[in-house]
Amino acid sequence: MVDIILFPELAVHPEHAFLLRRLSDKVRANIFTGLTFLHSHKVGGIVNQGLWLIRTESPSHGRAFQYVWQGKLHPMKDEVKMGVKGHRPHVTLVELPIGAKP
């Protein structure tokens, strides 16, 4: 059983994030992936962020997904040169029970 799949920074374009649901369904795992750079109107520039795809299952409600976007507060020097701005409006802590099925 796989509990979590991790993809590196810049691994997935946001328009393709829906494909991660299929992967999660196939292996019954939670996923964290780095997304390609995005333009943020809120920040007024390009940001680097990741996406948590948290899978939950219950007999009464079936399977559901919760999406959590995680920003990167401190861009690397090369990212700053490219115009990437730090942005982390909140911090999300994800606790996965040891040995529990999603």
Protein backbone atom coordinates (compact mmCIF):
# COMPACT_ATOMS: atom_id res chain seq x y z
CA MET A 1 0.00 0.00 0.00
CA VAL A 2 1.18 3.53 -0.80
CA ASP A 3 0.27 6.27 1.70
CA ILE A 4 1.61 9.30 -0.15
CA ILE A 5 3.15 10.09 -3.52
CA LEU A 6 5.48 13.10 -3.75
CA PHE A 7 6.29 14.94 -6.98
CA PRO A 8 9.06 17.59 -7.11
CA GLU A 9 8.70 21.32 -7.69
CA LEU A 10 7.38 22.36 -11.11
CA ALA A 11 6.28 18.78 -11.90
CA VAL A 12 2.61 19.32 -12.83
CA HIS A 13 0.80 22.04 -14.76
CA PRO A 14 -2.33 23.15 -12.87
CA GLU A 15 -4.50 22.26 -15.89
CA HIS A 16 -3.36 18.63 -15.53
CA ALA A 17 -3.95 18.30 -11.78
CA PHE A 18 -7.17 16.39 -12.50
CA LEU A 19 -4.99 13.47 -13.66
CA LEU A 20 -3.70 13.13 -10.11
CA ARG A 21 -7.18 12.07 -9.00
CA ARG A 22 -6.96 9.08 -11.34
CA LEU A 23 -3.55 8.15 -9.95
CA SER A 24 -4.83 8.50 -6.40
CA ASP A 25 -7.82 6.30 -7.18
CA LYS A 26 -5.60 3.64 -8.75
CA VAL A 27 -3.15 3.36 -5.83
CA ARG A 28 -5.40 4.75 -3.07
CA ALA A 29 -2.81 7.34 -1.98
CA ASN A 30 -2.59 10.99 -0.99
CA ILE A 31 -0.47 13.14 -3.31
CA PHE A 32 1.69 16.23 -2.98
CA THR A 33 3.02 17.85 -6.14
CA GLY A 34 4.90 20.95 -7.08
CA LEU A 35 3.00 22.99 -9.66
CA THR A 36 4.47 24.97 -12.53
CA PHE A 37 4.90 28.70 -11.88
CA LEU A 38 1.59 30.56 -11.77
CA HIS A 39 0.73 34.22 -12.16
CA SER A 40 -1.05 35.45 -9.04
CA HIS A 41 -3.22 38.53 -9.29
CA LYS A 42 -3.27 38.68 -5.49
CA VAL A 43 0.52 38.90 -5.27
CA GLY A 44 0.98 40.77 -8.52
CA GLY A 45 3.53 38.39 -9.99
CA ILE A 46 4.65 34.82 -10.46
CA VAL A 47 4.52 32.39 -7.53
CA ASN A 48 5.75 28.88 -6.87
CA GLN A 49 3.28 26.63 -5.13
CA GLY A 50 2.42 23.04 -4.46
CA LEU A 51 -0.83 21.12 -4.23
CA TRP A 52 -1.93 18.56 -1.67
CA LEU A 53 -4.53 16.11 -2.91
CA ILE A 54 -5.88 14.52 0.27
CA ARG A 55 -8.03 11.45 -0.20
CA THR A 56 -10.68 10.44 2.30
CA GLU A 57 -12.98 7.44 2.30
CA SER A 58 -15.90 6.49 4.48
CA PRO A 59 -18.54 3.77 4.11
CA SER A 60 -21.36 6.30 4.41
CA HIS A 61 -20.00 9.03 2.12
CA GLY A 62 -17.69 7.18 -0.28
CA ARG A 63 -14.47 8.68 -1.63
CA ALA A 64 -13.76 12.41 -1.56
CA PHE A 65 -10.80 14.68 -2.28
CA GLN A 66 -9.67 17.80 -0.51
CA TYR A 67 -7.35 20.16 -2.39
CA VAL A 68 -4.94 22.32 -0.42
CA TRP A 69 -2.62 24.80 -2.15
CA GLN A 70 0.66 25.47 -0.36
CA GLY A 71 2.72 28.53 -1.26
CA LYS A 72 6.48 28.94 -1.14
CA LEU A 73 7.48 31.84 1.08
CA HIS A 74 11.20 31.99 0.30
CA PRO A 75 12.04 31.59 -3.40
CA MET A 76 15.55 30.49 -4.36
CA LYS A 77 17.98 33.08 -5.78
CA ASP A 78 17.43 31.84 -9.35
CA GLU A 79 13.65 32.06 -8.86
CA VAL A 80 13.96 35.65 -7.62
CA LYS A 81 16.01 36.48 -10.74
CA MET A 82 13.13 35.11 -12.84
CA GLY A 83 10.63 37.31 -10.98
CA VAL A 84 9.13 34.67 -8.69
CA LYS A 85 7.70 36.21 -5.51
CA GLY A 86 7.35 34.58 -2.12
CA HIS A 87 3.77 33.85 -1.16
CA ARG A 88 2.44 31.66 1.63
CA PRO A 89 -0.89 32.96 2.93
CA HIS A 90 -1.21 30.04 5.37
CA VAL A 91 0.56 26.91 6.56
CA THR A 92 -1.16 23.55 6.27
CA LEU A 93 -0.21 20.62 8.47
CA VAL A 94 -1.22 17.23 7.14
CA GLU A 95 -1.20 14.33 9.58
CA LEU A 96 -1.48 10.88 8.11
CA PRO A 97 -2.15 8.05 10.58
CA ILE A 98 0.52 5.35 10.52
CA GLY A 99 -0.76 2.19 8.88
CA ALA A 100 -4.23 3.61 8.22
CA LYS A 101 -5.80 3.28 4.82
CA PRO A 102 -6.93 6.54 3.16
